[in-house]
């Protein structure tokens, strides 16, 4: 089984219905894997990679699942940061899959002999929670599971998986029991954070003593799914509610 096919299977098992991106020869193994799994998972071709990253961000916001986008090496990957920056600042889980030059070309980058290739990962460090390059096919299942855990837990956000062309195309004998998804990390928040009880008591005291309190509801209400709790609080204390741009 090609690594690209195994990756497509794991995305499907993580309840990903659509992947957004622009094809390149380096990512064809992923596209073939998705094609074989239709209609359970489909690929949506975009006009450029910026649109793919924004579409993945919007998909996650509307579905509560992890958005997935892909781009080929170099010029394709360069266009992803706009949408990933939005996802990072809005705490939205997105898995960005980027292709890379073949592993045995890596040493040629500094000489300018590797077409399209450059050190891509540093470009994403300020706008993703986690980044990794898949250097060995057998690590794929573990790396993908870790990516979904990081993307959906604590403060959610985008993560990056860089896969060289030769690794994407590698035929590897994955054991069926290895290619499993941890379904609790297929949506967000996967782990709902509990506040410090003493801080709750302080907040209750402040609200009860305030003369003209106002609730400013932000994106955390969406991430926590705390709509009913917010409504109950506002109605019980008769407090007006305003929202931030992500609220």
Foldseek 3Di string as FASTA:
>chain_A
DFLLLLVLLLCLQLQAQEEEEADDLLNVLVQVNQVVPPPSHHYDYDPALLVRLQVQQVCCLVPQFEREYEFEAAPRLVNNPVSLQVQQVLLTEYEYEYEAAAPVCVVCVVVVPGPRHDDRVVVCPVRFPEEDEDPASQCVLVVVQVSLLQQAEDRHGYYYYYYYSCNRGDDDDDDPVSSHHPNCSRGHNSDADDDDVVVVVVVVVCLVPDDADAAEDESVCSRNVVPVVVVVVCVVSVHHYHYDPHD
